[in-house]
Amino acid sequence: AAQGVEQRPVEPAAGTSLVRDVVRGVCPPLTSDRPPGPDITKIAHLIESGAFTDIEDG
């Protein structure tokens, strides 16, 4: 999803930008083909750790 947001010609909302930044802290942009498993695992750990809770609560 972060990759898609980065391809849009408009700036995303503040919360969306923060989520993208957190994701990009652990998963670099796709510049070539790679297996998605490691990125999915990293994002799952972010979710489990509550990394998005403060963003969600505003």
N, C-alpha and C. Protein backbone atom coordinates (compact mmCIF):
# COMPACT_ATOMS: atom_id res chain seq x y z
N ALA A 1 0.82 -1.19 0.00
CA ALA A 1 0.00 0.00 0.00
C ALA A 1 0.86 1.25 0.00
N ALA A 2 1.99 1.22 0.72
CA ALA A 2 2.88 2.38 0.75
C ALA A 2 3.37 2.71 -0.65
N GLN A 3 3.66 1.68 -1.42
CA GLN A 3 4.13 1.88 -2.79
C GLN A 3 3.07 2.59 -3.62
N GLY A 4 1.83 2.19 -3.47
CA GLY A 4 0.74 2.82 -4.21
C GLY A 4 0.55 4.27 -3.83
N VAL A 5 0.62 4.57 -2.54
CA VAL A 5 0.48 5.95 -2.07
C VAL A 5 1.58 6.82 -2.68
N GLU A 6 2.77 6.27 -2.78
CA GLU A 6 3.90 7.03 -3.32
C GLU A 6 3.78 7.29 -4.82
N GLN A 7 2.95 6.53 -5.50
CA GLN A 7 2.78 6.71 -6.94
C GLN A 7 1.71 7.74 -7.29
N ARG A 8 0.92 8.14 -6.29
CA ARG A 8 -0.16 9.09 -6.55
C ARG A 8 0.39 10.50 -6.73
N PRO A 9 -0.24 11.31 -7.55
CA PRO A 9 0.25 12.66 -7.79
C PRO A 9 -0.11 13.66 -6.68
N VAL A 10 -0.89 13.23 -5.69
CA VAL A 10 -1.28 14.14 -4.60
C VAL A 10 -0.67 13.66 -3.29
N GLU A 11 -0.48 14.59 -2.37
CA GLU A 11 0.05 14.25 -1.05
C GLU A 11 -1.04 13.61 -0.21
N PRO A 12 -0.74 12.49 0.46
CA PRO A 12 -1.76 11.83 1.28
C PRO A 12 -2.06 12.62 2.56
N ALA A 13 -3.13 12.25 3.22
CA ALA A 13 -3.49 12.87 4.49
C ALA A 13 -2.38 12.62 5.52
N ALA A 14 -2.38 13.41 6.58
CA ALA A 14 -1.31 13.34 7.59
C ALA A 14 -1.17 11.94 8.18
N GLY A 15 -2.28 11.32 8.56
CA GLY A 15 -2.21 9.98 9.15
C GLY A 15 -1.66 8.95 8.19
N THR A 16 -2.07 9.05 6.93
CA THR A 16 -1.58 8.13 5.91
C THR A 16 -0.08 8.32 5.70
N SER A 17 0.36 9.56 5.71
CA SER A 17 1.80 9.84 5.57
C SER A 17 2.60 9.25 6.72
N LEU A 18 2.06 9.35 7.93
CA LEU A 18 2.75 8.79 9.10
C LEU A 18 2.84 7.27 9.01
N VAL A 19 1.75 6.63 8.61
CA VAL A 19 1.77 5.17 8.45
C VAL A 19 2.80 4.78 7.39
N ARG A 20 2.80 5.48 6.28
CA ARG A 20 3.78 5.19 5.22
C ARG A 20 5.21 5.33 5.75
N ASP A 21 5.46 6.37 6.54
CA ASP A 21 6.81 6.58 7.08
C ASP A 21 7.23 5.46 8.02
N VAL A 22 6.29 4.98 8.84
CA VAL A 22 6.59 3.86 9.74
C VAL A 22 6.90 2.61 8.92
N VAL A 23 6.09 2.35 7.91
CA VAL A 23 6.32 1.18 7.05
C VAL A 23 7.67 1.31 6.34
N ARG A 24 7.96 2.48 5.83
CA ARG A 24 9.23 2.68 5.12
C ARG A 24 10.43 2.57 6.06
N GLY A 25 10.21 2.71 7.34
CA GLY A 25 11.29 2.52 8.30
C GLY A 25 11.78 1.08 8.36
N VAL A 26 10.95 0.14 7.93
CA VAL A 26 11.33 -1.28 7.96
C VAL A 26 11.31 -1.93 6.58
N CYS A 27 10.62 -1.34 5.62
CA CYS A 27 10.50 -1.92 4.28
C CYS A 27 10.84 -0.87 3.23
N PRO A 28 11.94 -1.06 2.52
CA PRO A 28 12.28 -0.09 1.47
C PRO A 28 11.32 -0.20 0.29
N PRO A 29 11.26 0.85 -0.55
CA PRO A 29 10.42 0.77 -1.75
C PRO A 29 10.86 -0.39 -2.65
N LEU A 30 9.91 -0.89 -3.41
CA LEU A 30 10.22 -1.93 -4.39
C LEU A 30 10.91 -1.30 -5.59
N THR A 31 12.14 -1.70 -5.82
CA THR A 31 12.86 -1.22 -6.99
C THR A 31 13.15 -2.36 -7.96
N SER A 32 12.93 -3.58 -7.47
CA SER A 32 13.07 -4.78 -8.30
C SER A 32 12.19 -5.87 -7.69
N ASP A 33 12.06 -6.96 -8.41
CA ASP A 33 11.23 -8.07 -7.93
C ASP A 33 11.88 -8.69 -6.70
N ARG A 34 11.07 -8.95 -5.65
CA ARG A 34 11.56 -9.63 -4.47
C ARG A 34 10.39 -10.34 -3.79
N PRO A 35 10.67 -11.37 -3.02
CA PRO A 35 9.59 -12.07 -2.33
C PRO A 35 8.93 -11.15 -1.30
N PRO A 36 7.61 -11.18 -1.18
CA PRO A 36 6.93 -10.29 -0.24
C PRO A 36 6.97 -10.77 1.21
N GLY A 37 7.29 -12.04 1.44
CA GLY A 37 7.24 -12.61 2.79
C GLY A 37 7.98 -11.82 3.86
N PRO A 38 9.25 -11.46 3.64
CA PRO A 38 9.97 -10.70 4.67
C PRO A 38 9.32 -9.35 4.99
N ASP A 39 8.83 -8.66 3.98
CA ASP A 39 8.15 -7.37 4.22
C ASP A 39 6.86 -7.58 5.01
N ILE A 40 6.11 -8.61 4.66
CA ILE A 40 4.86 -8.90 5.37
C ILE A 40 5.15 -9.21 6.83
N THR A 41 6.20 -9.98 7.09
CA THR A 41 6.58 -10.30 8.47
C THR A 41 6.95 -9.05 9.25
N LYS A 42 7.72 -8.16 8.64
CA LYS A 42 8.12 -6.91 9.31
C LYS A 42 6.90 -6.05 9.63
N ILE A 43 5.97 -5.94 8.70
CA ILE A 43 4.78 -5.13 8.93
C ILE A 43 3.88 -5.79 9.98
N ALA A 44 3.81 -7.11 9.97
CA ALA A 44 3.03 -7.82 11.00
C ALA A 44 3.60 -7.52 12.39
N HIS A 45 4.92 -7.48 12.50
CA HIS A 45 5.54 -7.15 13.79
C HIS A 45 5.21 -5.71 14.21
N LEU A 46 5.17 -4.80 13.25
CA LEU A 46 4.78 -3.43 13.56
C LEU A 46 3.36 -3.39 14.12
N ILE A 47 2.46 -4.10 13.47
CA ILE A 47 1.06 -4.14 13.92
C ILE A 47 0.97 -4.73 15.32
N GLU A 48 1.65 -5.86 15.53
CA GLU A 48 1.61 -6.53 16.83
C GLU A 48 2.22 -5.67 17.94
N SER A 49 3.21 -4.85 17.60
CA SER A 49 3.88 -4.02 18.61
C SER A 49 3.09 -2.77 18.96
N GLY A 50 2.03 -2.49 18.19
CA GLY A 50 1.24 -1.29 18.44
C GLY A 50 1.82 -0.04 17.82
N ALA A 51 2.71 -0.20 16.85
CA ALA A 51 3.39 0.94 16.23
C ALA A 51 2.42 1.93 15.59
N PHE A 52 1.24 1.46 15.22
CA PHE A 52 0.28 2.34 14.55
C PHE A 52 -0.78 2.91 15.49
N THR A 53 -0.74 2.51 16.76
CA THR A 53 -1.79 2.91 17.71
C THR A 53 -1.85 4.42 17.88
N ASP A 54 -0.71 5.07 18.08
CA ASP A 54 -0.71 6.52 18.27
C ASP A 54 -1.22 7.25 17.04
N ILE A 55 -0.89 6.73 15.87
CA ILE A 55 -1.37 7.34 14.63
C ILE A 55 -2.88 7.18 14.55
N GLU A 56 -3.36 6.01 14.88
CA GLU A 56 -4.79 5.71 14.83
C GLU A 56 -5.58 6.58 15.80
N ASP A 57 -5.01 6.81 16.98
CA ASP A 57 -5.69 7.60 18.00
C ASP A 57 -5.60 9.09 17.73
N GLY A 58 -4.75 9.47 16.78
CA GLY A 58 -4.66 10.85 16.38
C GLY A 58 -3.82 11.68 17.27
